[in-house]
Amino acid sequence: MKVSEILQKEYPNIQDTFISGRDASKLGWTNNNTVNLSGSTYLDDNDVFHYSASQKIKDNPNDLFNMINLHRTQLMPTYVMKRQYYKGRHINILNRKPTPHGDPDNRRIVNMPKKLVDSFNGYFIGTPIDIAYQDPSEEETTEGNKVNNLIQDMTKHQVLDDVFTEASKWSSVYGRAYLYLYTDKNAYPYITFLDPLNTFMVYDNTIRNKPLFGVTYSYYPDDKGNESLHGQLIEVNDTVPFSNSATTNDSLTFDENPDPDTGVDDQLGHPFSQLPMAEIMDNEERIGVFDDVISLVDDLDSAVSAKSNNSDSFAASILKVINSELDDDQLKEIKQSRVLNLYLDKAWADSDESKALPTPDAEFMEKPSGDQLQENQIQHDTDFIYQVAQIPNLDNIDFSTSAAQALDFKIHSMKIKALNKETKMKKALTQIWACALQARESMLTMLITWSIHLTLPFHIIY
């Protein structure tokens, strides 16, 4: 099913597809070519691929093709929906059925997902990461200064603060993101981030849960309009391009002669002795910041929209006229002048006959108002969103000195959440920087002893 078709649907409870481990294909999209992974491959309840450590994926291209199909048909659509919610395109309220009879049909969006993600990552990584090598002897050495110079050169050359900030933000949106290290034709290392829309990592099936390889892929149309698969298999000692023909839908082949216009030298593209790709996650379950509040977000959008509809209904209230017949010209004049003058002829009013008839009257017809109920619903939804997401609402905080202790208590749950993410990101950065320094100077692998200290705001010292 195409992504465009997915985004045009309304889901009874979209949260069922957001939480990691749910089979999204049963809740809105299906695929007749759903594949069963081989006995060497499985997808755990955190939506993480595992593969047998005793098997070589290059010897089993069908296994890799099945993983890509499963990722594309079941996991990728959920990531697309998360991205849409973060960008303010809330699918359920936008795809809601129109109201009948031309009644007001406002689709108000309160973009809480973006506010939650930006608030959390502003706290977590708003201060740039400080990366430096610290010699185990705690003394300055020529080797130590050389390492720090290389780190500073890389950081300034590529503006890595932006890379790490974006990787952290999108890991909070999707529940995971990836850092990837590659080298250009001059063997200069570059760090970039990849989102899980077309990227995934595969771990072994042992208790070590060791990363085996990464996969990034895309589908491109050929000159006949058929889609063909192209991608890269990223292993510990090599990066191997692969593809499958647009007319072949059951396997893929590894390319011996990849496209030379990639900007990366094939001979220098992977000079590492470890995997140059690392996964960043907010938690082990790969649950994003707003995953488990998305039903509350939908409810908040609905409540605010209903309140807006009530305002429009009031502006379009119907005028009820009793005991007086108005012709078309009078109705037109009332609309223009906004004045209605109903009266009885004076002679008729003074007669005895007029006393037996009710006098003319006019008033606006009022619809039942649920204003207070809607206000309570909006307030409850907003409060629960902040509570469940473990991110405080700082908009109405008194930042006086007397409130400092109360503020620290208020952000306590977010601090615990950030500390959990900090340990995950530290692990990913350690692996990526080990590869980066190895790419610049192979001797550095022998010089560096990893000693990492982190505090919030995020701070890292090697």
Protein backbone atom coordinates (compact mmCIF):
# COMPACT_ATOMS: atom_id res chain seq x y z
CA MET A 1 0.00 0.00 0.00
CA LYS A 2 1.36 3.43 -0.92
CA VAL A 3 2.21 6.00 1.73
CA SER A 4 -0.18 8.48 0.12
CA GLU A 5 -3.03 6.02 0.66
CA ILE A 6 -2.01 5.48 4.28
CA LEU A 7 -2.08 9.19 5.02
CA GLN A 8 -5.60 9.49 3.63
CA LYS A 9 -7.10 7.09 6.17
CA GLU A 10 -8.61 7.66 9.59
CA TYR A 11 -7.76 5.16 12.32
CA PRO A 12 -9.98 4.31 15.32
CA ASN A 13 -6.97 4.36 17.63
CA ILE A 14 -3.80 5.35 15.89
CA GLN A 15 -1.83 4.77 19.09
CA ASP A 16 -1.99 1.03 18.41
CA THR A 17 0.32 1.53 15.44
CA PHE A 18 2.66 3.99 17.17
CA ILE A 19 3.72 1.79 20.07
CA SER A 20 6.69 -0.37 19.12
CA GLY A 21 5.92 -4.04 18.63
CA ARG A 22 2.42 -3.68 17.16
CA ASP A 23 1.71 -5.22 13.78
CA ALA A 24 0.64 -2.15 11.84
CA SER A 25 -0.43 -4.19 8.80
CA LYS A 26 -3.59 -5.26 10.67
CA LEU A 27 -4.62 -1.72 11.48
CA GLY A 28 -5.05 0.07 8.21
CA TRP A 29 -2.67 -1.28 5.60
CA THR A 30 -2.17 -4.78 4.26
CA ASN A 31 0.21 -6.30 1.77
CA ASN A 32 -0.59 -9.37 -0.29
CA ASN A 33 3.11 -10.13 -0.58
CA THR A 34 3.79 -10.19 3.16
CA VAL A 35 6.92 -12.25 3.64
CA ASN A 36 7.80 -14.76 6.31
CA LEU A 37 11.34 -14.33 7.52
CA SER A 38 13.59 -17.36 7.46
CA GLY A 39 14.46 -19.35 10.55
CA SER A 40 17.66 -17.29 10.84
CA THR A 41 15.81 -13.97 11.10
CA TYR A 42 13.16 -12.59 13.41
CA LEU A 43 11.67 -9.26 14.47
CA ASP A 44 11.35 -8.85 18.23
CA ASP A 45 8.61 -6.95 20.07
CA ASN A 46 10.72 -3.77 19.98
CA ASP A 47 10.68 -3.88 16.17
CA VAL A 48 14.36 -4.82 16.06
CA PHE A 49 15.71 -7.29 13.51
CA HIS A 50 17.87 -10.19 14.69
CA TYR A 51 19.94 -12.56 12.56
CA SER A 52 21.88 -15.71 13.28
CA ALA A 53 25.47 -14.93 14.24
CA SER A 54 26.59 -18.11 12.49
CA GLN A 55 25.16 -17.03 9.13
CA LYS A 56 26.61 -14.60 6.59
CA ILE A 57 24.01 -12.30 5.13
CA LYS A 58 25.87 -11.95 1.83
CA ASP A 59 25.46 -15.70 1.34
CA ASN A 60 21.69 -15.36 1.91
CA PRO A 61 20.43 -12.39 -0.13
CA ASN A 62 16.83 -13.62 0.21
CA ASP A 63 17.01 -13.06 3.97
CA LEU A 64 18.08 -9.45 3.43
CA PHE A 65 15.36 -8.93 0.83
CA ASN A 66 12.73 -10.26 3.25
CA MET A 67 13.93 -7.89 5.97
CA ILE A 68 13.66 -4.93 3.61
CA ASN A 69 10.16 -5.96 2.54
CA LEU A 70 9.02 -6.30 6.14
CA HIS A 71 10.56 -2.97 7.06
CA ARG A 72 8.97 -1.22 4.09
CA THR A 73 5.46 -2.70 4.49
CA GLN A 74 5.05 -2.76 8.27
CA LEU A 75 7.53 -0.45 9.99
CA MET A 76 8.13 2.39 7.55
CA PRO A 77 4.44 3.45 7.38
CA THR A 78 4.40 3.99 11.14
CA TYR A 79 7.52 6.17 10.92
CA VAL A 80 5.88 8.22 8.14
CA MET A 81 2.86 8.83 10.37
CA LYS A 82 5.07 9.89 13.28
CA ARG A 83 6.85 12.36 11.03
CA GLN A 84 3.51 13.76 9.90
CA TYR A 85 2.33 14.25 13.49
CA TYR A 86 5.56 16.02 14.43
CA LYS A 87 5.16 18.38 11.47
CA GLY A 88 1.58 19.22 12.47
CA ARG A 89 -0.26 17.03 9.96
CA HIS A 90 -2.41 15.09 12.39
CA ILE A 91 -3.96 12.37 10.30
CA ASN A 92 -7.08 11.53 12.29
CA ILE A 93 -8.44 15.07 12.58
CA LEU A 94 -7.55 15.94 8.97
CA ASN A 95 -9.13 12.77 7.58
CA ARG A 96 -12.27 12.94 9.71
CA LYS A 97 -15.57 12.63 7.84
CA PRO A 98 -17.18 15.98 6.94
CA THR A 99 -20.02 17.20 9.12
CA PRO A 100 -23.49 16.80 7.60
CA HIS A 101 -25.70 19.55 6.16
CA GLY A 102 -22.87 22.05 5.81
CA ASP A 103 -22.45 22.53 9.57
CA PRO A 104 -19.18 24.17 10.75
CA ASP A 105 -16.32 21.72 10.23
CA ASN A 106 -13.15 23.18 11.70
CA ARG A 107 -10.05 20.99 11.83
CA ARG A 108 -7.96 22.64 14.55
CA ILE A 109 -4.53 21.13 15.26
CA VAL A 110 -2.69 21.65 18.54
CA ASN A 111 0.81 20.46 17.68
CA MET A 112 1.72 18.95 21.04
CA PRO A 113 4.07 16.30 19.51
CA LYS A 114 6.44 18.99 18.23
CA LYS A 115 6.27 20.91 21.51
CA LEU A 116 7.10 17.78 23.52
CA VAL A 117 9.99 16.74 21.28
CA ASP A 118 11.50 20.22 21.05
CA SER A 119 11.15 20.85 24.80
CA PHE A 120 12.77 17.56 25.72
CA ASN A 121 15.67 17.88 23.28
CA GLY A 122 16.18 21.52 24.14
CA TYR A 123 16.80 20.35 27.69
CA PHE A 124 18.77 17.27 26.66
CA ILE A 125 21.10 18.61 23.98
CA GLY A 126 20.41 22.35 23.85
CA THR A 127 23.97 22.90 25.04
CA PRO A 128 26.39 21.54 22.40
CA ILE A 129 28.21 18.31 23.20
CA ASP A 130 31.73 18.90 24.46
CA ILE A 131 34.02 16.20 23.09
CA ALA A 132 37.64 15.93 24.17
CA TYR A 133 40.26 13.28 24.76
CA GLN A 134 41.53 12.91 28.30
CA ASP A 135 44.81 11.04 28.73
CA PRO A 136 44.55 8.25 31.33
CA SER A 137 47.59 9.66 33.12
CA GLU A 138 45.78 13.01 33.42
CA GLU A 139 48.84 14.72 31.95
CA GLU A 140 49.14 16.53 28.64
CA THR A 141 51.00 14.50 26.05
CA THR A 142 51.85 14.99 22.41
CA GLU A 143 49.59 12.09 21.47
CA GLY A 144 46.73 13.48 23.55
CA ASN A 145 47.02 16.91 21.95
CA LYS A 146 47.08 15.29 18.53
CA VAL A 147 43.84 13.44 19.28
CA ASN A 148 42.14 16.62 20.52
CA ASN A 149 43.26 18.52 17.43
CA LEU A 150 41.72 15.87 15.20
CA ILE A 151 38.47 16.01 17.17
CA GLN A 152 38.34 19.81 16.94
CA ASP A 153 39.10 19.74 13.22
CA MET A 154 36.27 17.29 12.54
CA THR A 155 33.82 19.15 14.76
CA LYS A 156 34.47 22.52 13.11
CA HIS A 157 34.80 21.17 9.57
CA GLN A 158 31.38 19.53 9.57
CA VAL A 159 29.49 21.45 12.30
CA LEU A 160 28.79 18.22 14.15
CA ASP A 161 26.67 19.98 16.77
CA ASP A 162 23.92 20.21 14.17
CA VAL A 163 24.29 16.53 13.22
CA PHE A 164 24.01 15.33 16.81
CA THR A 165 21.11 17.69 17.58
CA GLU A 166 19.13 16.46 14.57
CA ALA A 167 19.91 12.82 15.36
CA SER A 168 18.68 13.32 18.92
CA LYS A 169 15.51 15.10 17.77
CA TRP A 170 14.52 12.46 15.24
CA SER A 171 15.28 9.62 17.63
CA SER A 172 12.69 11.21 19.94
CA VAL A 173 10.21 11.39 17.05
CA TYR A 174 10.71 7.90 15.65
CA GLY A 175 11.99 6.14 18.75
CA ARG A 176 15.30 5.55 16.99
CA ALA A 177 17.78 7.17 14.60
CA TYR A 178 21.22 6.25 13.33
CA LEU A 179 24.67 7.81 13.18
CA TYR A 180 26.71 6.77 10.17
CA LEU A 181 30.38 7.39 9.47
CA TYR A 182 31.80 7.42 5.95
CA THR A 183 34.89 8.82 4.26
CA ASP A 184 35.18 10.93 1.14
CA LYS A 185 37.59 10.43 -1.74
CA ASN A 186 40.36 12.01 0.32
CA ALA A 187 39.73 9.56 3.18
CA TYR A 188 38.35 12.37 5.33
CA PRO A 189 35.71 11.05 7.76
CA TYR A 190 32.20 12.49 7.88
CA ILE A 191 29.44 11.76 10.39
CA THR A 192 25.82 12.00 9.33
CA PHE A 193 22.51 10.85 10.74
CA LEU A 194 19.99 8.55 9.06
CA ASP A 195 16.33 8.24 9.97
CA PRO A 196 14.55 4.86 10.09
CA LEU A 197 12.31 5.55 7.10
CA ASN A 198 14.73 3.62 4.90
CA THR A 199 17.40 2.46 7.34
CA PHE A 200 17.61 -0.28 9.95
CA MET A 201 20.19 -2.23 11.94
CA VAL A 202 20.35 -5.95 12.52
CA TYR A 203 21.62 -7.52 15.75
CA ASP A 204 22.69 -11.06 16.50
CA ASN A 205 20.37 -13.55 18.18
CA THR A 206 22.52 -14.14 21.27
CA ILE A 207 22.41 -12.60 24.70
CA ARG A 208 25.14 -10.17 23.61
CA ASN A 209 22.71 -8.45 21.23
CA LYS A 210 25.70 -7.39 19.15
CA PRO A 211 25.15 -5.21 16.06
CA LEU A 212 25.92 -7.27 12.97
CA PHE A 213 25.23 -4.93 10.07
CA GLY A 214 23.20 -1.95 8.92
CA VAL A 215 21.02 -1.52 5.86
CA THR A 216 19.97 1.59 3.99
CA TYR A 217 17.83 1.33 0.87
CA SER A 218 15.65 3.23 -1.60
CA TYR A 219 13.28 2.41 -4.43
CA TYR A 220 13.77 4.25 -7.71
CA PRO A 221 11.54 4.14 -10.78
CA ASP A 222 13.14 3.06 -14.06
CA ASP A 223 12.35 4.49 -17.48
CA LYS A 224 9.26 2.24 -17.67
CA GLY A 225 7.86 3.37 -14.33
CA ASN A 226 8.74 0.17 -12.47
CA GLU A 227 10.41 0.51 -9.08
CA SER A 228 13.80 -1.07 -8.52
CA LEU A 229 15.58 -1.50 -5.20
CA HIS A 230 18.99 0.02 -4.49
CA GLY A 231 20.84 0.15 -1.21
CA GLN A 232 23.92 -0.56 0.86
CA LEU A 233 24.81 -3.34 3.25
CA ILE A 234 27.07 -1.85 5.94
CA GLU A 235 29.21 -4.50 7.64
CA VAL A 236 32.13 -4.42 10.02
CA ASN A 237 34.77 -4.66 7.32
CA ASP A 238 32.98 -3.52 4.19
CA THR A 239 30.13 -1.56 2.64
CA VAL A 240 28.49 -3.46 -0.21
CA PRO A 241 25.95 -1.97 -2.63
CA PHE A 242 23.00 -4.12 -3.67
CA SER A 243 20.02 -3.88 -5.99
CA ASN A 244 17.25 -5.87 -7.58
CA SER A 245 15.75 -5.57 -11.00
CA ALA A 246 12.44 -3.79 -11.40
CA THR A 247 11.13 -6.94 -13.08
CA THR A 248 12.38 -9.28 -10.36
CA ASN A 249 10.50 -9.14 -7.07
CA ASP A 250 11.90 -12.04 -5.10
CA SER A 251 15.62 -11.47 -4.55
CA LEU A 252 18.48 -9.03 -4.80
CA THR A 253 22.08 -9.09 -5.97
CA PHE A 254 25.19 -7.51 -4.54
CA ASP A 255 26.88 -5.14 -6.99
CA GLU A 256 30.48 -5.72 -7.91
CA ASN A 257 30.74 -2.40 -9.79
CA PRO A 258 28.64 0.24 -8.03
CA ASP A 259 27.82 3.64 -9.45
CA PRO A 260 31.06 5.69 -9.32
CA ASP A 261 29.21 9.01 -8.82
CA THR A 262 28.54 8.53 -5.11
CA GLY A 263 31.14 11.00 -3.85
CA VAL A 264 32.80 8.21 -1.87
CA ASP A 265 35.92 6.38 -2.99
CA ASP A 266 35.18 2.65 -3.11
CA GLN A 267 38.72 1.88 -1.97
CA LEU A 268 38.56 4.26 0.99
CA GLY A 269 34.86 4.10 1.80
CA HIS A 270 35.19 1.77 4.78
CA PRO A 271 38.66 1.75 6.37
CA PHE A 272 37.30 0.62 9.75
CA SER A 273 37.70 -2.49 11.85
CA GLN A 274 34.28 -2.05 13.47
CA LEU A 275 30.76 -1.17 12.39
CA PRO A 276 30.64 2.52 11.30
CA MET A 277 26.97 2.80 12.18
CA ALA A 278 25.33 3.18 15.59
CA GLU A 279 21.72 3.37 16.75
CA ILE A 280 20.50 6.22 18.92
CA MET A 281 17.37 5.53 20.95
CA ASP A 282 15.49 7.20 23.78
CA ASN A 283 14.91 3.85 25.47
CA GLU A 284 15.39 0.14 24.86
CA GLU A 285 11.78 -0.25 23.67
CA ARG A 286 12.30 2.38 20.91
CA ILE A 287 9.24 4.32 22.06
CA GLY A 288 9.29 7.95 20.93
CA VAL A 289 8.48 10.96 23.09
CA PHE A 290 4.85 11.21 21.99
CA ASP A 291 4.08 7.58 21.06
CA ASP A 292 1.97 6.76 24.10
CA VAL A 293 0.09 10.08 24.19
CA ILE A 294 -1.01 10.15 20.57
CA SER A 295 -4.60 9.18 21.42
CA LEU A 296 -4.71 12.13 23.84
CA VAL A 297 -3.36 14.38 21.08
CA ASP A 298 -6.16 13.24 18.78
CA ASP A 299 -8.70 13.86 21.54
CA LEU A 300 -7.29 17.35 22.18
CA ASP A 301 -7.51 18.20 18.46
CA SER A 302 -11.12 17.00 18.46
CA ALA A 303 -12.07 19.04 21.55
CA VAL A 304 -10.50 22.26 20.26
CA SER A 305 -12.16 21.74 16.87
CA ALA A 306 -15.55 21.19 18.51
CA LYS A 307 -15.14 24.39 20.50
CA SER A 308 -14.32 26.29 17.32
CA ASN A 309 -17.38 24.75 15.63
CA ASN A 310 -19.56 26.04 18.47
CA SER A 311 -18.23 29.57 17.95
CA ASP A 312 -19.05 29.40 14.26
CA SER A 313 -22.49 28.02 15.02
CA PHE A 314 -23.19 30.97 17.30
CA ALA A 315 -22.19 33.39 14.54
CA ALA A 316 -24.60 31.60 12.19
CA SER A 317 -27.50 31.45 14.64
CA ILE A 318 -31.02 31.29 13.18
CA LEU A 319 -33.39 34.19 13.84
CA LYS A 320 -36.81 32.98 14.96
CA VAL A 321 -39.72 35.37 14.19
CA ILE A 322 -43.09 34.70 15.87
CA ASN A 323 -46.50 36.01 14.78
CA SER A 324 -45.18 38.09 11.93
CA GLU A 325 -44.75 37.24 8.26
CA LEU A 326 -41.67 38.74 6.59
CA ASP A 327 -41.36 38.97 2.83
CA ASP A 328 -38.10 38.57 0.88
CA ASP A 329 -37.42 42.31 0.75
CA GLN A 330 -37.75 42.59 4.51
CA LEU A 331 -35.41 39.64 5.05
CA LYS A 332 -32.84 41.24 2.76
CA GLU A 333 -33.10 44.55 4.58
CA ILE A 334 -32.66 42.86 7.96
CA LYS A 335 -29.46 41.17 6.78
CA GLN A 336 -28.06 44.48 5.56
CA SER A 337 -29.12 46.78 8.37
CA ARG A 338 -28.96 44.21 11.18
CA VAL A 339 -32.18 45.77 12.54
CA LEU A 340 -35.55 44.03 12.95
CA ASN A 341 -38.59 46.19 13.75
CA LEU A 342 -41.79 44.26 14.47
CA TYR A 343 -44.98 46.14 15.45
CA LEU A 344 -48.78 46.19 15.20
CA ASP A 345 -50.77 48.90 13.50
CA LYS A 346 -51.78 51.41 16.21
CA ALA A 347 -55.50 51.28 15.35
CA TRP A 348 -55.43 47.52 15.34
CA ALA A 349 -53.46 47.42 18.57
CA ASP A 350 -56.10 49.58 20.33
CA SER A 351 -58.97 47.40 19.16
CA ASP A 352 -60.47 44.65 21.22
CA GLU A 353 -59.67 42.10 18.50
CA SER A 354 -55.91 42.53 18.93
CA LYS A 355 -56.09 41.44 22.57
CA ALA A 356 -57.00 37.92 21.53
CA LEU A 357 -53.75 37.51 19.48
CA PRO A 358 -50.16 37.28 20.71
CA THR A 359 -47.87 40.17 19.88
CA PRO A 360 -45.00 39.67 17.38
CA ASP A 361 -41.68 38.49 18.82
CA ALA A 362 -38.19 37.62 17.52
CA GLU A 363 -35.16 35.94 19.05
CA PHE A 364 -32.13 33.88 18.07
CA MET A 365 -32.37 30.13 18.45
CA GLU A 366 -29.64 28.85 20.75
CA LYS A 367 -28.02 25.46 20.43
CA PRO A 368 -27.13 23.52 23.57
CA SER A 369 -23.66 24.65 24.66
CA GLY A 370 -21.03 22.31 26.03
CA ASP A 371 -18.50 25.05 26.56
CA GLN A 372 -17.62 24.12 30.15
CA LEU A 373 -17.42 20.44 29.29
CA GLN A 374 -15.10 21.20 26.37
CA GLU A 375 -12.91 23.43 28.51
CA ASN A 376 -12.55 20.65 31.07
CA GLN A 377 -11.76 18.14 28.35
CA ILE A 378 -9.08 20.39 26.84
CA GLN A 379 -7.51 20.98 30.26
CA HIS A 380 -7.55 17.29 31.20
CA ASP A 381 -6.09 16.22 27.84
CA THR A 382 -3.31 18.81 28.10
CA ASP A 383 -2.44 17.83 31.67
CA PHE A 384 -2.39 14.11 30.88
CA ILE A 385 -0.21 14.64 27.80
CA TYR A 386 2.47 16.35 29.87
CA GLN A 387 2.20 13.81 32.69
CA VAL A 388 2.37 10.69 30.52
CA ALA A 389 5.13 12.10 28.30
CA GLN A 390 7.13 12.96 31.47
CA ILE A 391 7.81 16.44 30.14
CA PRO A 392 6.66 19.39 32.28
CA ASN A 393 4.70 22.35 30.99
CA LEU A 394 7.04 25.26 31.60
CA ASP A 395 4.86 27.96 30.03
CA ASN A 396 3.34 29.14 33.31
CA ILE A 397 6.26 28.55 35.64
CA ASP A 398 7.33 31.25 38.06
CA PHE A 399 11.10 31.46 37.64
CA SER A 400 11.69 33.41 40.81
CA THR A 401 14.35 32.31 43.28
CA SER A 402 11.76 30.99 45.70
CA ALA A 403 10.41 28.68 43.01
CA ALA A 404 13.80 27.15 42.08
CA GLN A 405 13.32 24.10 44.29
CA ALA A 406 9.78 23.56 43.02
CA LEU A 407 11.00 23.84 39.43
CA ASP A 408 13.70 21.25 40.05
CA PHE A 409 11.08 18.90 41.41
CA LYS A 410 8.81 19.60 38.43
CA ILE A 411 11.48 18.63 35.88
CA HIS A 412 12.60 15.57 37.86
CA SER A 413 10.78 13.09 35.62
CA MET A 414 12.24 14.71 32.48
CA LYS A 415 15.70 14.57 34.03
CA ILE A 416 15.35 10.81 34.59
CA LYS A 417 14.14 10.43 31.02
CA ALA A 418 17.13 12.40 29.74
CA LEU A 419 19.60 10.38 31.82
CA ASN A 420 18.24 7.20 30.27
CA LYS A 421 18.73 8.60 26.77
CA GLU A 422 22.16 9.88 27.75
CA THR A 423 23.50 6.38 28.38
CA LYS A 424 22.20 5.21 24.99
CA MET A 425 23.68 8.17 23.13
CA LYS A 426 27.01 7.87 24.92
CA LYS A 427 27.34 4.31 23.67
CA ALA A 428 26.58 5.34 20.09
CA LEU A 429 28.99 8.29 20.15
CA THR A 430 31.77 6.14 21.58
CA GLN A 431 31.50 3.73 18.67
CA ILE A 432 31.27 6.44 16.00
CA TRP A 433 34.18 8.48 17.34
CA ALA A 434 36.35 5.38 17.64
CA CYS A 435 35.77 4.80 13.92
CA ALA A 436 36.30 8.46 13.05
CA LEU A 437 39.63 8.70 14.82
CA GLN A 438 40.73 5.40 13.38
CA ALA A 439 39.98 6.71 9.91
CA ARG A 440 42.22 9.73 10.47
CA GLU A 441 45.07 8.01 12.22
CA SER A 442 45.19 4.24 12.61
CA MET A 443 47.68 4.61 15.46
CA LEU A 444 45.09 6.39 17.56
CA THR A 445 43.33 3.12 18.25
CA MET A 446 46.30 2.14 20.35
CA LEU A 447 46.48 5.51 22.12
CA ILE A 448 42.93 6.03 23.24
CA THR A 449 41.59 4.68 26.50
CA TRP A 450 37.89 5.43 26.69
CA SER A 451 37.04 7.38 29.82
CA ILE A 452 33.62 8.97 29.49
CA HIS A 453 31.94 11.35 31.91
CA LEU A 454 28.54 12.84 31.18
CA THR A 455 26.42 15.44 32.91
CA LEU A 456 23.34 17.35 31.86
CA PRO A 457 23.35 19.48 29.81
CA PHE A 458 25.00 16.86 27.62
CA HIS A 459 28.78 16.75 28.03
CA ILE A 460 31.16 14.08 26.81
CA ILE A 461 34.88 13.68 27.44
CA TYR A 462 37.03 10.99 25.92
